[in-house]
Amino acid sequence: MKKKRKVIDSMVCHIYSLIGIDRPHNHDAIVEYIFDDVNETADPEDWHSGDVDIAFRRFLEKGYDI
């Protein structure tokens, strides 16, 4: 699980880069939300960056700040 969290952290940082923002002050909370979402909704063995993208979108749709 620790490796999965690190991979998700890296993918989230890549999203920041793609949308042109610096790492937000609540980065750890964002990664935690996305990690939980991916664990709840994605295939446990075959999850991918698209699952992280969807979880990030869900985070924003909930109205959380970045």
PDB file of N, CA and C in Angstrom:
ATOM      1  N   MET A   1       0.824  -1.206   0.000  1.00  0.00           N
ATOM      2  CA  MET A   1       0.000   0.000   0.000  1.00  0.00           C
ATOM      3  C   MET A   1       0.859   1.258   0.000  1.00  0.00           C
ATOM      4  N   LYS A   2       2.009   1.196   0.658  1.00  0.00           N
ATOM      5  CA  LYS A   2       2.876   2.368   0.704  1.00  0.00           C
ATOM      6  C   LYS A   2       3.387   2.733  -0.692  1.00  0.00           C
ATOM      7  N   LYS A   3       3.723   1.705  -1.472  1.00  0.00           N
ATOM      8  CA  LYS A   3       4.197   1.943  -2.840  1.00  0.00           C
ATOM      9  C   LYS A   3       3.065   2.554  -3.675  1.00  0.00           C
ATOM     10  N   LYS A   4       1.856   2.043  -3.513  1.00  0.00           N
ATOM     11  CA  LYS A   4       0.708   2.558  -4.255  1.00  0.00           C
ATOM     12  C   LYS A   4       0.479   4.029  -3.927  1.00  0.00           C
ATOM     13  N   ARG A   5       0.589   4.394  -2.646  1.00  0.00           N
ATOM     14  CA  ARG A   5       0.415   5.788  -2.236  1.00  0.00           C
ATOM     15  C   ARG A   5       1.482   6.673  -2.881  1.00  0.00           C
ATOM     16  N   LYS A   6       2.715   6.196  -2.958  1.00  0.00           N
ATOM     17  CA  LYS A   6       3.790   6.978  -3.582  1.00  0.00           C
ATOM     18  C   LYS A   6       3.541   7.167  -5.080  1.00  0.00           C
ATOM     19  N   VAL A   7       3.058   6.122  -5.728  1.00  0.00           N
ATOM     20  CA  VAL A   7       2.758   6.223  -7.158  1.00  0.00           C
ATOM     21  C   VAL A   7       1.630   7.229  -7.374  1.00  0.00           C
ATOM     22  N   ILE A   8       0.592   7.159  -6.541  1.00  0.00           N
ATOM     23  CA  ILE A   8      -0.515   8.105  -6.649  1.00  0.00           C
ATOM     24  C   ILE A   8      -0.023   9.519  -6.383  1.00  0.00           C
ATOM     25  N   ASP A   9       0.835   9.703  -5.396  1.00  0.00           N
ATOM     26  CA  ASP A   9       1.409  11.018  -5.100  1.00  0.00           C
ATOM     27  C   ASP A   9       2.096  11.579  -6.340  1.00  0.00           C
ATOM     28  N   SER A  10       2.888  10.743  -7.004  1.00  0.00           N
ATOM     29  CA  SER A  10       3.589  11.171  -8.214  1.00  0.00           C
ATOM     30  C   SER A  10       2.614  11.534  -9.329  1.00  0.00           C
ATOM     31  N   MET A  11       1.568  10.741  -9.488  1.00  0.00           N
ATOM     32  CA  MET A  11       0.568  11.020 -10.523  1.00  0.00           C
ATOM     33  C   MET A  11      -0.171  12.323 -10.245  1.00  0.00           C
ATOM     34  N   VAL A  12      -0.461  12.593  -8.988  1.00  0.00           N
ATOM     35  CA  VAL A  12      -1.141  13.841  -8.623  1.00  0.00           C
ATOM     36  C   VAL A  12      -0.227  15.029  -8.917  1.00  0.00           C
ATOM     37  N   CYS A  13       1.051  14.912  -8.606  1.00  0.00           N
ATOM     38  CA  CYS A  13       1.995  15.990  -8.927  1.00  0.00           C
ATOM     39  C   CYS A  13       2.054  16.222 -10.428  1.00  0.00           C
ATOM     40  N   HIS A  14       1.937  15.158 -11.200  1.00  0.00           N
ATOM     41  CA  HIS A  14       1.908  15.286 -12.663  1.00  0.00           C
ATOM     42  C   HIS A  14       0.654  16.054 -13.106  1.00  0.00           C
ATOM     43  N   ILE A  15      -0.468  15.791 -12.460  1.00  0.00           N
ATOM     44  CA  ILE A  15      -1.699  16.536 -12.773  1.00  0.00           C
ATOM     45  C   ILE A  15      -1.485  18.025 -12.509  1.00  0.00           C
ATOM     46  N   TYR A  16      -0.871  18.353 -11.374  1.00  0.00           N
ATOM     47  CA  TYR A  16      -0.594  19.768 -11.071  1.00  0.00           C
ATOM     48  C   TYR A  16       0.209  20.397 -12.201  1.00  0.00           C
ATOM     49  N   SER A  17       1.229  19.672 -12.653  1.00  0.00           N
ATOM     50  CA  SER A  17       2.080  20.178 -13.728  1.00  0.00           C
ATOM     51  C   SER A  17       1.282  20.398 -15.015  1.00  0.00           C
ATOM     52  N   LEU A  18       0.423  19.457 -15.336  1.00  0.00           N
ATOM     53  CA  LEU A  18      -0.384  19.565 -16.554  1.00  0.00           C
ATOM     54  C   LEU A  18      -1.329  20.769 -16.532  1.00  0.00           C
ATOM     55  N   ILE A  19      -1.874  21.075 -15.349  1.00  0.00           N
ATOM     56  CA  ILE A  19      -2.820  22.190 -15.268  1.00  0.00           C
ATOM     57  C   ILE A  19      -2.140  23.495 -14.867  1.00  0.00           C
ATOM     58  N   GLY A  20      -0.828  23.437 -14.653  1.00  0.00           N
ATOM     59  CA  GLY A  20      -0.047  24.652 -14.436  1.00  0.00           C
ATOM     60  C   GLY A  20      -0.167  25.275 -13.059  1.00  0.00           C
ATOM     61  N   ILE A  21      -0.254  24.435 -12.020  1.00  0.00           N
ATOM     62  CA  ILE A  21      -0.296  24.978 -10.658  1.00  0.00           C
ATOM     63  C   ILE A  21       0.850  24.415  -9.839  1.00  0.00           C
ATOM     64  N   ASP A  22       1.234  25.167  -8.804  1.00  0.00           N
ATOM     65  CA  ASP A  22       2.222  24.684  -7.850  1.00  0.00           C
ATOM     66  C   ASP A  22       1.567  23.670  -6.913  1.00  0.00           C
ATOM     67  N   ARG A  23       2.402  22.934  -6.231  1.00  0.00           N
ATOM     68  CA  ARG A  23       1.886  21.973  -5.250  1.00  0.00           C
ATOM     69  C   ARG A  23       1.127  22.729  -4.159  1.00  0.00           C
ATOM     70  N   PRO A  24      -0.160  22.416  -3.961  1.00  0.00           N
ATOM     71  CA  PRO A  24      -0.952  23.150  -2.976  1.00  0.00           C
ATOM     72  C   PRO A  24      -0.569  22.795  -1.540  1.00  0.00           C
ATOM     73  N   HIS A  25      -0.940  23.667  -0.628  1.00  0.00           N
ATOM     74  CA  HIS A  25      -0.607  23.481   0.787  1.00  0.00           C
ATOM     75  C   HIS A  25      -1.263  22.223   1.355  1.00  0.00           C
ATOM     76  N   ASN A  26      -2.378  21.800   0.787  1.00  0.00           N
ATOM     77  CA  ASN A  26      -3.088  20.627   1.286  1.00  0.00           C
ATOM     78  C   ASN A  26      -2.856  19.388   0.409  1.00  0.00           C
ATOM     79  N   HIS A  27      -1.690  19.324  -0.184  1.00  0.00           N
ATOM     80  CA  HIS A  27      -1.345  18.217  -1.076  1.00  0.00           C
ATOM     81  C   HIS A  27      -1.556  16.862  -0.403  1.00  0.00           C
ATOM     82  N   ASP A  28      -1.121  16.714   0.825  1.00  0.00           N
ATOM     83  CA  ASP A  28      -1.241  15.426   1.512  1.00  0.00           C
ATOM     84  C   ASP A  28      -2.701  15.010   1.664  1.00  0.00           C
ATOM     85  N   ALA A  29      -3.572  15.954   1.959  1.00  0.00           N
ATOM     86  CA  ALA A  29      -5.003  15.650   2.079  1.00  0.00           C
ATOM     87  C   ALA A  29      -5.590  15.262   0.725  1.00  0.00           C
ATOM     88  N   ILE A  30      -5.132  15.910  -0.329  1.00  0.00           N
ATOM     89  CA  ILE A  30      -5.600  15.572  -1.681  1.00  0.00           C
ATOM     90  C   ILE A  30      -5.178  14.143  -2.030  1.00  0.00           C
ATOM     91  N   VAL A  31      -3.926  13.824  -1.781  1.00  0.00           N
ATOM     92  CA  VAL A  31      -3.431  12.473  -2.069  1.00  0.00           C
ATOM     93  C   VAL A  31      -4.199  11.444  -1.238  1.00  0.00           C
ATOM     94  N   GLU A  32      -4.464  11.740   0.011  1.00  0.00           N
ATOM     95  CA  GLU A  32      -5.223  10.823   0.865  1.00  0.00           C
ATOM     96  C   GLU A  32      -6.622  10.576   0.303  1.00  0.00           C
ATOM     97  N   TYR A  33      -7.296  11.649  -0.125  1.00  0.00           N
ATOM     98  CA  TYR A  33      -8.630  11.520  -0.720  1.00  0.00           C
ATOM     99  C   TYR A  33      -8.569  10.640  -1.970  1.00  0.00           C
ATOM    100  N   ILE A  34      -7.612  10.920  -2.828  1.00  0.00           N
ATOM    101  CA  ILE A  34      -7.492  10.181  -4.086  1.00  0.00           C
ATOM    102  C   ILE A  34      -7.116   8.720  -3.825  1.00  0.00           C
ATOM    103  N   PHE A  35      -6.212   8.493  -2.905  1.00  0.00           N
ATOM    104  CA  PHE A  35      -5.823   7.133  -2.535  1.00  0.00           C
ATOM    105  C   PHE A  35      -7.049   6.339  -2.062  1.00  0.00           C
ATOM    106  N   ASP A  36      -7.833   6.933  -1.182  1.00  0.00           N
ATOM    107  CA  ASP A  36      -9.045   6.273  -0.683  1.00  0.00           C
ATOM    108  C   ASP A  36     -10.041   6.018  -1.814  1.00  0.00           C
ATOM    109  N   ASP A  37     -10.229   7.010  -2.677  1.00  0.00           N
ATOM    110  CA  ASP A  37     -11.173   6.871  -3.790  1.00  0.00           C
ATOM    111  C   ASP A  37     -10.742   5.753  -4.740  1.00  0.00           C
ATOM    112  N   VAL A  38      -9.477   5.719  -5.082  1.00  0.00           N
ATOM    113  CA  VAL A  38      -8.969   4.672  -5.977  1.00  0.00           C
ATOM    114  C   VAL A  38      -9.151   3.301  -5.326  1.00  0.00           C
ATOM    115  N   ASN A  39      -8.879   3.190  -4.040  1.00  0.00           N
ATOM    116  CA  ASN A  39      -9.045   1.911  -3.351  1.00  0.00           C
ATOM    117  C   ASN A  39     -10.506   1.470  -3.318  1.00  0.00           C
ATOM    118  N   GLU A  40     -11.416   2.416  -3.254  1.00  0.00           N
ATOM    119  CA  GLU A  40     -12.843   2.086  -3.176  1.00  0.00           C
ATOM    120  C   GLU A  40     -13.465   1.789  -4.542  1.00  0.00           C
ATOM    121  N   THR A  41     -12.948   2.410  -5.600  1.00  0.00           N
ATOM    122  CA  THR A  41     -13.654   2.337  -6.882  1.00  0.00           C
ATOM    123  C   THR A  41     -12.907   1.608  -7.997  1.00  0.00           C
ATOM    124  N   ALA A  42     -11.611   1.581  -7.949  1.00  0.00           N
ATOM    125  CA  ALA A  42     -10.831   1.003  -9.055  1.00  0.00           C
ATOM    126  C   ALA A  42     -10.544  -0.478  -8.811  1.00  0.00           C
ATOM    127  N   ASP A  43     -10.218  -1.153  -9.879  1.00  0.00           N
ATOM    128  CA  ASP A  43      -9.795  -2.546  -9.782  1.00  0.00           C
ATOM    129  C   ASP A  43      -8.535  -2.609  -8.919  1.00  0.00           C
ATOM    130  N   PRO A  44      -8.520  -3.425  -7.878  1.00  0.00           N
ATOM    131  CA  PRO A  44      -7.365  -3.443  -6.965  1.00  0.00           C
ATOM    132  C   PRO A  44      -6.050  -3.856  -7.614  1.00  0.00           C
ATOM    133  N   GLU A  45      -6.118  -4.651  -8.659  1.00  0.00           N
ATOM    134  CA  GLU A  45      -4.897  -5.127  -9.322  1.00  0.00           C
ATOM    135  C   GLU A  45      -4.574  -4.374 -10.602  1.00  0.00           C
ATOM    136  N   ASP A  46      -5.575  -3.774 -11.226  1.00  0.00           N
ATOM    137  CA  ASP A  46      -5.379  -3.181 -12.553  1.00  0.00           C
ATOM    138  C   ASP A  46      -5.786  -1.710 -12.593  1.00  0.00           C
ATOM    139  N   TRP A  47      -5.501  -0.971 -11.510  1.00  0.00           N
ATOM    140  CA  TRP A  47      -5.812   0.459 -11.488  1.00  0.00           C
ATOM    141  C   TRP A  47      -4.740   1.196 -12.300  1.00  0.00           C
ATOM    142  N   HIS A  48      -5.071   2.420 -12.732  1.00  0.00           N
ATOM    143  CA  HIS A  48      -4.144   3.160 -13.594  1.00  0.00           C
ATOM    144  C   HIS A  48      -4.351   4.658 -13.421  1.00  0.00           C
ATOM    145  N   SER A  49      -3.614   5.426 -14.192  1.00  0.00           N
ATOM    146  CA  SER A  49      -3.646   6.881 -14.059  1.00  0.00           C
ATOM    147  C   SER A  49      -5.032   7.456 -14.330  1.00  0.00           C
ATOM    148  N   GLY A  50      -5.805   6.810 -15.169  1.00  0.00           N
ATOM    149  CA  GLY A  50      -7.166   7.275 -15.425  1.00  0.00           C
ATOM    150  C   GLY A  50      -8.018   7.233 -14.166  1.00  0.00           C
ATOM    151  N   ASP A  51      -7.791   6.232 -13.325  1.00  0.00           N
ATOM    152  CA  ASP A  51      -8.504   6.159 -12.049  1.00  0.00           C
ATOM    153  C   ASP A  51      -8.115   7.324 -11.141  1.00  0.00           C
ATOM    154  N   VAL A  52      -6.842   7.688 -11.172  1.00  0.00           N
ATOM    155  CA  VAL A  52      -6.364   8.825 -10.381  1.00  0.00           C
ATOM    156  C   VAL A  52      -6.967  10.122 -10.925  1.00  0.00           C
ATOM    157  N   ASP A  53      -7.027  10.258 -12.235  1.00  0.00           N
ATOM    158  CA  ASP A  53      -7.642  11.443 -12.848  1.00  0.00           C
ATOM    159  C   ASP A  53      -9.101  11.585 -12.421  1.00  0.00           C
ATOM    160  N   ILE A  54      -9.829  10.487 -12.443  1.00  0.00           N
ATOM    161  CA  ILE A  54     -11.239  10.515 -12.049  1.00  0.00           C
ATOM    162  C   ILE A  54     -11.378  10.880 -10.582  1.00  0.00           C
ATOM    163  N   ALA A  55     -10.525  10.319  -9.741  1.00  0.00           N
ATOM    164  CA  ALA A  55     -10.567  10.636  -8.313  1.00  0.00           C
ATOM    165  C   ALA A  55     -10.241  12.114  -8.069  1.00  0.00           C
ATOM    166  N   PHE A  56      -9.298  12.657  -8.832  1.00  0.00           N
ATOM    167  CA  PHE A  56      -8.965  14.078  -8.707  1.00  0.00           C
ATOM    168  C   PHE A  56     -10.162  14.936  -9.110  1.00  0.00           C
ATOM    169  N   ARG A  57     -10.831  14.558 -10.176  1.00  0.00           N
ATOM    170  CA  ARG A  57     -12.029  15.272 -10.602  1.00  0.00           C
ATOM    171  C   ARG A  57     -13.107  15.206  -9.523  1.00  0.00           C
ATOM    172  N   ARG A  58     -13.279  14.049  -8.924  1.00  0.00           N
ATOM    173  CA  ARG A  58     -14.255  13.909  -7.837  1.00  0.00           C
ATOM    174  C   ARG A  58     -13.904  14.820  -6.669  1.00  0.00           C
ATOM    175  N   PHE A  59     -12.612  14.913  -6.369  1.00  0.00           N
ATOM    176  CA  PHE A  59     -12.153  15.790  -5.299  1.00  0.00           C
ATOM    177  C   PHE A  59     -12.583  17.223  -5.579  1.00  0.00           C
ATOM    178  N   LEU A  60     -12.365  17.677  -6.806  1.00  0.00           N
ATOM    179  CA  LEU A  60     -12.737  19.042  -7.178  1.00  0.00           C
ATOM    180  C   LEU A  60     -14.262  19.222  -7.178  1.00  0.00           C
ATOM    181  N   GLU A  61     -14.982  18.227  -7.649  1.00  0.00           N
ATOM    182  CA  GLU A  61     -16.438  18.320  -7.704  1.00  0.00           C
ATOM    183  C   GLU A  61     -17.063  18.411  -6.312  1.00  0.00           C
ATOM    184  N   LYS A  62     -16.379  17.851  -5.327  1.00  0.00           N
ATOM    185  CA  LYS A  62     -16.868  17.928  -3.943  1.00  0.00           C
ATOM    186  C   LYS A  62     -16.732  19.353  -3.393  1.00  0.00           C
ATOM    187  N   GLY A  63     -15.975  20.178  -4.095  1.00  0.00           N
ATOM    188  CA  GLY A  63     -15.813  21.558  -3.665  1.00  0.00           C
ATOM    189  C   GLY A  63     -14.653  21.801  -2.731  1.00  0.00           C
ATOM    190  N   TYR A  64     -13.750  20.817  -2.641  1.00  0.00           N
ATOM    191  CA  TYR A  64     -12.568  21.000  -1.793  1.00  0.00           C
ATOM    192  C   TYR A  64     -11.628  21.994  -2.442  1.00  0.00           C
ATOM    193  N   ASP A  65     -10.855  22.685  -1.638  1.00  0.00           N
ATOM    194  CA  ASP A  65      -9.889  23.668  -2.138  1.00  0.00           C
ATOM    195  C   ASP A  65      -8.578  22.978  -2.521  1.00  0.00           C
ATOM    196  N   ILE A  66      -7.951  23.549  -3.552  1.00  0.00           N
ATOM    197  CA  ILE A  66      -6.590  23.128  -3.876  1.00  0.00           C
ATOM    198  C   ILE A  66      -5.697  24.335  -3.774  1.00  0.00           C
TER     199      ILE A  66
END
